[in-house]
Amino acid sequence: MTRVLIAGGGIGGLATALAVATRGHRVTVLERRGEFTELGAGIQLAPNAFHALDVLGVGQAVRDRAVFVDELRFMDGTTDRTVAAMALTDDYRARFGNPYAVVHRTDLYQPLLEECRRTPGVELRVDSPVARYEQDGDEVVAVLDSGARVTGHVLVGADGIRSTVRGQLVGDGEPKVSGHTIYRSVIPMERVPEDLRWNVVTLWAGPKWHFVHYPIGGGKYLNLAATRDDGATEVVVGRPAATEHVRGQFARMGARARRLLELGEDWRTWVLCDRDPVDEWVDGRVVLLGDAAHPMLQYAAQGACMALEDAVLLGDLLDCGPSDVPERLARFRDERRDRTARAQLVARFMGERLYHPAGEDAEARNALLSGMSQEELQDAVAWLHGARRFDALASPGA
């Protein structure tokens, strides 16, 4: 039996716990906070996420809480005109084998947590921040802030974009500040005018800004996320933002988008960060996963999806004895590195080149997107949404 330590009890950490515990291993999840919980609002789940969730045994529980949207819709945020819309219903689901859905973040997290609590061999520990690790040829020790030592055969660093495990393993310092500030609000759907209650993930693109909204909570709420390319240089995490300040950040916004933005209240703000792709995620018996390995901007809506894919593949590869662990972790790194790096860079490209141009560049973008057929739009996302094996060697739909 292999003893697996997981630093971090977020989505990636809990998914990994399930993936390895169902193979008969003992798992200890070391969560730094005083409870297992997930902060945040809406999250998008493409078919690749549902493939992973089904393997983990929680796919139906997440489906039961999800909103299955009809389209991904790209709007010109200054003219209120539809540029392109990819249908997510019959042909899309037939091609990719699962739906596209949106959920409140807790509606993904809670099924994972409940399944971990039901699964033999999973120990969930709170108030257990990992400060560093030590290892020899046979075991690895997670040293906690308290000085306590927890020993296993594997340590998975699933402790997020500011991972302490990554700090020791990679040593690449603080995350990269994107220069983009996002404002988030969740409002009751009953406050939204009937003509704007769309069962759609909608993105309004404007000069140096974009605005996304979609229903969550079984359709009871509307998730609002408005982003400014404002050159921010300092990290901000969840700071309250005045309503009038938010409204003033989005110049030249069209009338329909403005109506929705002005419904927002109790705004909170973040400055978005990511990291450059790196070649090395493994140090002997220690491996990085999810945002600790490949944090990405949210513009491709694949951060959580990539963490779920990671968990499934790592669970498969750790179906082994303790002596095989270093070789299996190296395989995990090699199989995931190219795919996740591509997702990181595509997310950056979307934020820099697709969502925020103005003038002639915006017109050229609109002309390109509006000329694409449904098949061409699906082809553009197939490498992400269509993956059913989660490694760099898998072909779309494999």
Protein backbone atom coordinates (compact mmCIF):
# COMPACT_ATOMS: atom_id res chain seq x y z
CA MET A 1 0.00 0.00 0.00
CA THR A 2 1.28 3.43 -0.97
CA ARG A 3 0.86 6.33 1.48
CA VAL A 4 0.04 9.55 -0.38
CA LEU A 5 0.26 13.01 1.18
CA ILE A 6 -1.56 15.87 -0.50
CA ALA A 7 -0.76 19.48 0.37
CA GLY A 8 -3.94 21.44 -0.28
CA GLY A 9 -7.60 20.57 0.06
CA GLY A 10 -9.00 22.46 -2.92
CA ILE A 11 -10.59 20.98 -6.03
CA GLY A 12 -7.36 19.45 -7.31
CA GLY A 13 -6.34 18.08 -3.92
CA LEU A 14 -9.67 16.39 -3.21
CA ALA A 15 -9.94 15.01 -6.75
CA THR A 16 -6.47 13.50 -6.37
CA ALA A 17 -7.41 12.00 -3.01
CA LEU A 18 -10.34 10.21 -4.63
CA ALA A 19 -8.30 9.08 -7.62
CA VAL A 20 -5.62 7.38 -5.52
CA ALA A 21 -7.75 6.17 -2.58
CA THR A 22 -10.05 4.18 -4.87
CA ARG A 23 -6.97 2.16 -5.82
CA GLY A 24 -6.52 1.03 -2.24
CA HIS A 25 -3.93 3.56 -1.12
CA ARG A 26 -3.97 5.59 2.10
CA VAL A 27 -4.31 9.33 1.57
CA THR A 28 -3.78 12.24 3.96
CA VAL A 29 -4.98 15.65 2.76
CA LEU A 30 -3.21 18.49 4.56
CA GLU A 31 -5.34 21.65 4.36
CA ARG A 32 -3.84 24.89 5.65
CA ARG A 33 -7.17 26.49 6.61
CA GLY A 34 -9.35 25.63 9.57
CA GLU A 35 -12.03 23.97 7.45
CA PHE A 36 -12.50 22.35 4.08
CA THR A 37 -14.25 24.95 1.97
CA GLU A 38 -13.95 26.62 -1.42
CA LEU A 39 -14.15 30.35 -2.03
CA GLY A 40 -15.29 32.00 -5.24
CA ALA A 41 -18.35 32.18 -7.44
CA GLY A 42 -19.01 30.73 -10.89
CA ILE A 43 -16.98 28.14 -12.71
CA GLN A 44 -17.33 26.65 -16.19
CA LEU A 45 -17.04 22.90 -16.83
CA ALA A 46 -16.38 21.68 -20.35
CA PRO A 47 -16.90 18.04 -21.39
CA ASN A 48 -13.33 17.12 -20.45
CA ALA A 49 -14.13 18.05 -16.84
CA PHE A 50 -17.18 15.78 -16.82
CA HIS A 51 -15.15 12.91 -18.25
CA ALA A 52 -12.80 13.28 -15.27
CA LEU A 53 -15.62 13.71 -12.75
CA ASP A 54 -17.25 10.52 -14.00
CA VAL A 55 -14.01 8.60 -13.46
CA LEU A 56 -13.89 10.03 -9.93
CA GLY A 57 -17.45 8.91 -9.23
CA VAL A 58 -18.99 12.36 -8.71
CA GLY A 59 -20.10 13.25 -12.22
CA GLN A 60 -23.80 12.81 -11.55
CA ALA A 61 -23.68 14.71 -8.27
CA VAL A 62 -22.16 17.70 -10.08
CA ARG A 63 -24.63 17.39 -12.95
CA ASP A 64 -27.48 17.54 -10.44
CA ARG A 65 -26.25 20.99 -9.30
CA ALA A 66 -25.23 22.36 -12.68
CA VAL A 67 -26.81 24.65 -15.26
CA PHE A 68 -26.43 23.26 -18.78
CA VAL A 69 -26.01 26.29 -20.99
CA ASP A 70 -27.11 26.45 -24.63
CA GLU A 71 -24.32 28.58 -26.10
CA LEU A 72 -20.98 30.24 -25.68
CA ARG A 73 -21.77 33.69 -27.07
CA PHE A 74 -19.21 36.36 -28.05
CA MET A 75 -20.58 39.90 -28.22
CA ASP A 76 -19.09 43.21 -29.31
CA GLY A 77 -19.39 45.06 -26.03
CA THR A 78 -19.48 48.51 -27.57
CA THR A 79 -22.12 47.87 -30.26
CA ASP A 80 -24.20 45.19 -28.47
CA ARG A 81 -23.98 43.03 -31.59
CA THR A 82 -23.50 39.25 -31.56
CA VAL A 83 -20.18 38.35 -33.19
CA ALA A 84 -20.29 34.55 -32.87
CA ALA A 85 -22.11 31.89 -30.89
CA MET A 86 -21.14 28.24 -30.51
CA ALA A 87 -24.11 26.01 -29.77
CA LEU A 88 -23.53 23.59 -26.90
CA THR A 89 -26.52 21.33 -27.43
CA ASP A 90 -27.06 18.29 -29.67
CA ASP A 91 -24.14 18.30 -32.14
CA TYR A 92 -21.66 19.60 -29.56
CA ARG A 93 -22.65 16.99 -26.96
CA ALA A 94 -22.60 14.20 -29.52
CA ARG A 95 -19.12 15.16 -30.66
CA PHE A 96 -17.55 15.64 -27.24
CA GLY A 97 -19.52 13.05 -25.27
CA ASN A 98 -20.68 15.31 -22.44
CA PRO A 99 -22.37 18.68 -21.89
CA TYR A 100 -20.92 22.09 -21.13
CA ALA A 101 -22.15 23.41 -17.79
CA VAL A 102 -21.72 26.20 -15.29
CA VAL A 103 -21.87 25.83 -11.51
CA HIS A 104 -21.21 27.77 -8.36
CA ARG A 105 -17.73 26.76 -7.24
CA THR A 106 -19.12 25.09 -4.13
CA ASP A 107 -21.38 22.94 -6.33
CA LEU A 108 -18.24 21.32 -7.72
CA TYR A 109 -16.33 21.28 -4.46
CA GLN A 110 -19.00 19.80 -2.17
CA PRO A 111 -19.51 16.56 -4.14
CA LEU A 112 -15.76 15.99 -4.11
CA LEU A 113 -15.59 16.66 -0.37
CA GLU A 114 -18.56 14.44 0.44
CA GLU A 115 -17.14 11.59 -1.61
CA CYS A 116 -13.77 11.95 0.13
CA ARG A 117 -15.52 11.70 3.49
CA ARG A 118 -17.24 8.49 2.36
CA THR A 119 -14.13 6.89 0.88
CA PRO A 120 -12.10 4.50 3.05
CA GLY A 121 -8.47 5.45 3.36
CA VAL A 122 -8.91 9.23 3.03
CA GLU A 123 -7.89 11.32 6.05
CA LEU A 124 -8.79 15.02 5.93
CA ARG A 125 -6.69 17.24 8.21
CA VAL A 126 -7.29 20.96 8.76
CA ASP A 127 -4.91 23.58 10.23
CA SER A 128 -2.05 21.71 8.55
CA PRO A 129 -0.12 24.09 6.26
CA VAL A 130 2.91 22.43 4.67
CA ALA A 131 6.05 24.55 5.12
CA ARG A 132 8.58 22.31 3.35
CA TYR A 133 9.44 18.71 2.57
CA GLU A 134 12.30 16.31 3.15
CA GLN A 135 12.91 12.99 1.46
CA ASP A 136 15.22 10.02 1.16
CA GLY A 137 15.09 7.25 -1.37
CA ASP A 138 12.11 5.49 0.19
CA GLU A 139 9.89 8.13 1.85
CA VAL A 140 8.99 11.80 1.89
CA VAL A 141 8.17 13.94 4.92
CA ALA A 142 5.82 16.93 4.85
CA VAL A 143 6.97 19.34 7.54
CA LEU A 144 4.09 21.50 8.75
CA ASP A 145 4.29 25.10 9.98
CA SER A 146 3.80 23.73 13.49
CA GLY A 147 6.90 21.55 13.14
CA ALA A 148 4.83 18.37 12.98
CA ARG A 149 6.08 15.80 10.48
CA VAL A 150 3.87 13.61 8.30
CA THR A 151 5.50 10.75 6.42
CA GLY A 152 4.44 9.06 3.19
CA HIS A 153 5.70 7.59 -0.06
CA VAL A 154 4.43 10.50 -2.22
CA LEU A 155 3.82 14.21 -1.65
CA VAL A 156 1.46 15.93 -4.08
CA GLY A 157 1.71 19.72 -4.04
CA ALA A 158 -1.85 20.82 -4.80
CA ASP A 159 -1.54 23.99 -2.74
CA GLY A 160 -2.37 26.55 -5.39
CA ILE A 161 -0.69 29.32 -7.32
CA ARG A 162 1.41 30.37 -4.29
CA SER A 163 2.36 26.80 -3.48
CA THR A 164 5.00 26.35 -0.80
CA VAL A 165 5.80 22.96 -2.30
CA ARG A 166 6.48 24.64 -5.65
CA GLY A 167 8.58 27.26 -3.87
CA GLN A 168 10.97 24.52 -2.77
CA LEU A 169 10.75 22.37 -5.89
CA VAL A 170 10.87 25.08 -8.62
CA GLY A 171 11.90 28.20 -6.73
CA ASP A 172 10.49 30.65 -9.28
CA GLY A 173 9.28 33.26 -6.81
CA GLU A 174 5.99 35.10 -6.89
CA PRO A 175 3.35 34.56 -9.59
CA LYS A 176 3.28 36.80 -12.64
CA VAL A 177 0.85 39.71 -12.29
CA SER A 178 -1.20 39.94 -15.47
CA GLY A 179 -2.10 43.62 -15.31
CA HIS A 180 -5.78 42.66 -15.40
CA THR A 181 -8.25 43.48 -12.63
CA ILE A 182 -11.45 41.47 -12.30
CA TYR A 183 -14.59 42.53 -10.45
CA ARG A 184 -17.06 39.84 -9.38
CA SER A 185 -20.66 39.92 -8.20
CA VAL A 186 -23.46 37.37 -7.85
CA ILE A 187 -27.05 38.63 -8.00
CA PRO A 188 -30.47 36.94 -7.70
CA MET A 189 -31.86 36.06 -11.13
CA GLU A 190 -35.18 37.63 -10.14
CA ARG A 191 -33.46 41.03 -10.41
CA VAL A 192 -32.46 40.42 -14.03
CA PRO A 193 -34.85 41.75 -16.71
CA GLU A 194 -36.66 38.96 -18.57
CA ASP A 195 -35.11 39.93 -21.89
CA LEU A 196 -31.59 39.40 -20.46
CA ARG A 197 -32.13 36.05 -18.74
CA TRP A 198 -30.12 34.04 -21.21
CA ASN A 199 -29.15 30.41 -20.65
CA VAL A 200 -25.81 31.27 -22.17
CA VAL A 201 -22.22 32.02 -21.18
CA THR A 202 -21.95 35.51 -22.63
CA LEU A 203 -18.76 37.50 -23.16
CA TRP A 204 -18.90 41.18 -24.14
CA ALA A 205 -15.55 42.36 -25.54
CA GLY A 206 -14.52 46.02 -25.44
CA PRO A 207 -11.35 48.10 -25.68
CA LYS A 208 -9.12 46.90 -22.83
CA TRP A 209 -12.02 45.24 -21.03
CA HIS A 210 -14.46 42.34 -21.21
CA PHE A 211 -17.53 41.31 -19.25
CA VAL A 212 -18.77 37.74 -18.71
CA HIS A 213 -22.02 36.52 -17.17
CA TYR A 214 -23.92 33.24 -16.84
CA PRO A 215 -26.50 31.61 -14.56
CA ILE A 216 -25.44 29.54 -11.55
CA GLY A 217 -27.12 27.94 -8.53
CA GLY A 218 -29.62 26.01 -10.62
CA GLY A 219 -30.49 29.23 -12.43
CA LYS A 220 -31.35 31.15 -9.26
CA TYR A 221 -28.39 33.53 -9.57
CA LEU A 222 -26.43 35.37 -12.24
CA ASN A 223 -22.65 35.35 -11.99
CA LEU A 224 -21.03 38.61 -13.16
CA ALA A 225 -17.31 38.98 -13.88
CA ALA A 226 -16.01 42.21 -15.41
CA THR A 227 -12.30 42.53 -16.28
CA ARG A 228 -10.18 45.60 -17.00
CA ASP A 229 -6.81 45.53 -18.73
CA ASP A 230 -5.62 48.36 -16.48
CA GLY A 231 -1.93 47.59 -16.01
CA ALA A 232 -2.35 46.61 -12.34
CA THR A 233 0.97 45.68 -10.75
CA GLU A 234 0.04 44.74 -7.18
CA VAL A 235 -1.71 41.55 -6.11
CA VAL A 236 -5.28 42.02 -4.84
CA VAL A 237 -7.33 39.10 -3.54
CA GLY A 238 -11.03 39.52 -2.85
CA ARG A 239 -10.97 43.19 -1.84
CA PRO A 240 -14.41 44.90 -1.66
CA ALA A 241 -14.97 47.39 -4.50
CA ALA A 242 -17.42 50.29 -4.50
CA THR A 243 -20.27 49.95 -6.98
CA GLU A 244 -19.67 53.38 -8.52
CA HIS A 245 -15.98 52.57 -8.97
CA VAL A 246 -16.81 49.38 -10.87
CA ARG A 247 -19.33 51.12 -13.11
CA GLY A 248 -16.79 53.79 -13.95
CA GLN A 249 -14.17 51.31 -15.15
CA PHE A 250 -15.95 50.24 -18.32
CA ALA A 251 -15.97 53.02 -20.86
CA ARG A 252 -17.89 52.74 -24.13
CA MET A 253 -19.94 49.80 -22.88
CA GLY A 254 -23.07 49.19 -24.94
CA ALA A 255 -26.55 49.64 -23.50
CA ARG A 256 -27.45 45.97 -22.91
CA ALA A 257 -24.17 45.07 -21.27
CA ARG A 258 -24.40 48.25 -19.17
CA ARG A 259 -27.86 47.25 -17.91
CA LEU A 260 -26.43 44.02 -16.55
CA LEU A 261 -23.28 45.57 -15.11
CA GLU A 262 -25.36 48.11 -13.19
CA LEU A 263 -27.28 45.31 -11.48
CA GLY A 264 -24.10 44.19 -9.71
CA GLU A 265 -23.63 44.86 -6.02
CA ASP A 266 -21.28 43.78 -3.23
CA TRP A 267 -18.47 43.66 -5.77
CA ARG A 268 -15.13 42.12 -4.91
CA THR A 269 -11.95 42.53 -6.89
CA TRP A 270 -8.88 40.49 -7.73
CA VAL A 271 -5.77 41.18 -9.79
CA LEU A 272 -5.24 38.12 -11.94
CA CYS A 273 -1.97 36.19 -11.86
CA ASP A 274 -0.46 33.17 -13.55
CA ARG A 275 3.00 31.68 -14.08
CA ASP A 276 5.13 30.78 -17.06
CA PRO A 277 5.11 27.09 -18.02
CA VAL A 278 8.03 25.16 -16.56
CA ASP A 279 9.62 21.88 -17.59
CA GLU A 280 10.09 20.37 -14.15
CA TRP A 281 7.28 19.50 -11.72
CA VAL A 282 8.89 16.51 -10.02
CA ASP A 283 11.54 16.08 -7.36
CA GLY A 284 11.94 12.39 -6.55
CA ARG A 285 8.78 11.52 -4.61
CA VAL A 286 7.29 15.03 -4.82
CA VAL A 287 5.03 16.22 -7.64
CA LEU A 288 3.03 19.37 -8.40
CA LEU A 289 -0.57 19.35 -9.60
CA GLY A 290 -3.22 21.85 -10.73
CA ASP A 291 -2.51 25.52 -10.04
CA ALA A 292 0.68 24.60 -8.20
CA ALA A 293 2.04 23.10 -11.44
CA HIS A 294 0.43 25.16 -14.21
CA PRO A 295 -1.61 28.15 -12.97
CA MET A 296 -3.41 29.87 -15.82
CA LEU A 297 -5.57 32.89 -16.42
CA GLN A 298 -9.25 32.06 -16.52
CA TYR A 299 -9.87 33.17 -20.09
CA ALA A 300 -10.03 29.65 -21.52
CA ALA A 301 -12.17 28.49 -18.55
CA GLN A 302 -9.91 25.46 -18.08
CA GLY A 303 -8.08 25.89 -14.75
CA ALA A 304 -10.31 23.54 -12.75
CA CYS A 305 -10.72 21.25 -15.76
CA MET A 306 -6.94 20.81 -16.01
CA ALA A 307 -6.68 20.03 -12.29
CA LEU A 308 -9.36 17.34 -12.63
CA GLU A 309 -7.55 15.85 -15.61
CA ASP A 310 -4.31 15.86 -13.59
CA ALA A 311 -5.99 14.00 -10.74
CA VAL A 312 -7.36 11.23 -12.95
CA LEU A 313 -4.06 10.59 -14.72
CA LEU A 314 -2.04 10.71 -11.50
CA GLY A 315 -4.44 8.23 -9.92
CA ASP A 316 -3.94 5.88 -12.85
CA LEU A 317 -0.16 6.14 -12.69
CA LEU A 318 0.00 5.68 -8.93
CA ASP A 319 -1.68 2.29 -9.22
CA CYS A 320 1.68 0.90 -8.15
CA GLY A 321 3.83 0.05 -5.16
CA PRO A 322 6.05 2.55 -3.28
CA SER A 323 9.23 1.58 -5.13
CA ASP A 324 7.74 2.61 -8.50
CA VAL A 325 6.62 6.08 -7.40
CA PRO A 326 9.51 8.24 -8.72
CA GLU A 327 9.28 6.71 -12.19
CA ARG A 328 5.47 7.11 -12.26
CA LEU A 329 5.68 10.76 -11.22
CA ALA A 330 8.17 11.42 -14.00
CA ARG A 331 5.73 9.85 -16.48
CA PHE A 332 2.93 12.05 -15.13
CA ARG A 333 5.05 15.16 -15.70
CA ASP A 334 5.99 14.10 -19.20
CA GLU A 335 2.44 13.25 -20.23
CA ARG A 336 0.83 16.42 -18.82
CA ARG A 337 3.45 19.09 -19.46
CA ASP A 338 2.77 19.99 -23.10
CA ARG A 339 -1.01 19.99 -22.84
CA THR A 340 -1.15 22.15 -19.74
CA ALA A 341 1.51 24.55 -21.03
CA ARG A 342 -0.53 25.01 -24.19
CA ALA A 343 -3.61 25.78 -22.09
CA GLN A 344 -1.65 28.35 -20.07
CA LEU A 345 -0.42 30.13 -23.18
CA VAL A 346 -3.77 30.01 -24.97
CA ALA A 347 -5.43 31.60 -21.93
CA ARG A 348 -2.88 34.43 -22.04
CA PHE A 349 -3.40 34.89 -25.77
CA MET A 350 -7.16 35.14 -25.35
CA GLY A 351 -6.80 37.86 -22.75
CA GLU A 352 -4.20 39.82 -24.67
CA ARG A 353 -5.36 39.45 -28.28
CA LEU A 354 -8.94 38.18 -28.44
CA TYR A 355 -10.90 39.94 -25.71
CA HIS A 356 -9.38 43.43 -25.43
CA PRO A 357 -8.50 44.96 -28.84
CA ALA A 358 -9.95 48.22 -30.16
CA GLY A 359 -10.49 49.88 -33.52
CA GLU A 360 -9.26 48.03 -36.60
CA ASP A 361 -7.95 45.12 -34.53
CA ALA A 362 -11.39 44.60 -32.99
CA GLU A 363 -13.02 44.78 -36.41
CA ALA A 364 -10.61 42.17 -37.76
CA ARG A 365 -11.32 39.89 -34.81
CA ASN A 366 -15.07 40.26 -35.31
CA ALA A 367 -14.77 39.48 -39.01
CA LEU A 368 -12.73 36.35 -38.28
CA LEU A 369 -15.05 34.99 -35.61
CA SER A 370 -18.28 35.84 -37.40
CA GLY A 371 -17.13 33.95 -40.47
CA MET A 372 -16.63 30.65 -38.61
CA SER A 373 -19.15 27.83 -38.96
CA GLN A 374 -20.33 25.73 -36.03
CA GLU A 375 -17.99 22.95 -37.12
CA GLU A 376 -15.06 25.36 -37.27
CA LEU A 377 -15.86 26.74 -33.83
CA GLN A 378 -15.97 23.21 -32.44
CA ASP A 379 -12.71 22.36 -34.20
CA ALA A 380 -11.05 25.31 -32.46
CA VAL A 381 -11.84 23.94 -28.99
CA ALA A 382 -11.69 20.22 -29.74
CA TRP A 383 -8.16 19.76 -28.37
CA LEU A 384 -9.42 21.03 -24.99
CA HIS A 385 -13.08 20.07 -24.71
CA GLY A 386 -12.80 16.77 -26.53
CA ALA A 387 -10.04 15.11 -24.53
CA ARG A 388 -11.02 11.86 -22.83
CA ARG A 389 -7.51 10.71 -22.10
CA PHE A 390 -5.62 13.38 -20.25
CA ASP A 391 -2.08 13.39 -21.55
CA ALA A 392 -0.05 15.13 -24.20
CA LEU A 393 -0.17 12.08 -26.47
CA ALA A 394 -3.96 11.93 -26.71
CA SER A 395 -5.61 13.04 -29.92
CA PRO A 396 -8.82 15.12 -29.71
CA GLY A 397 -11.73 12.89 -28.80
CA ALA A 398 -9.43 9.99 -27.98
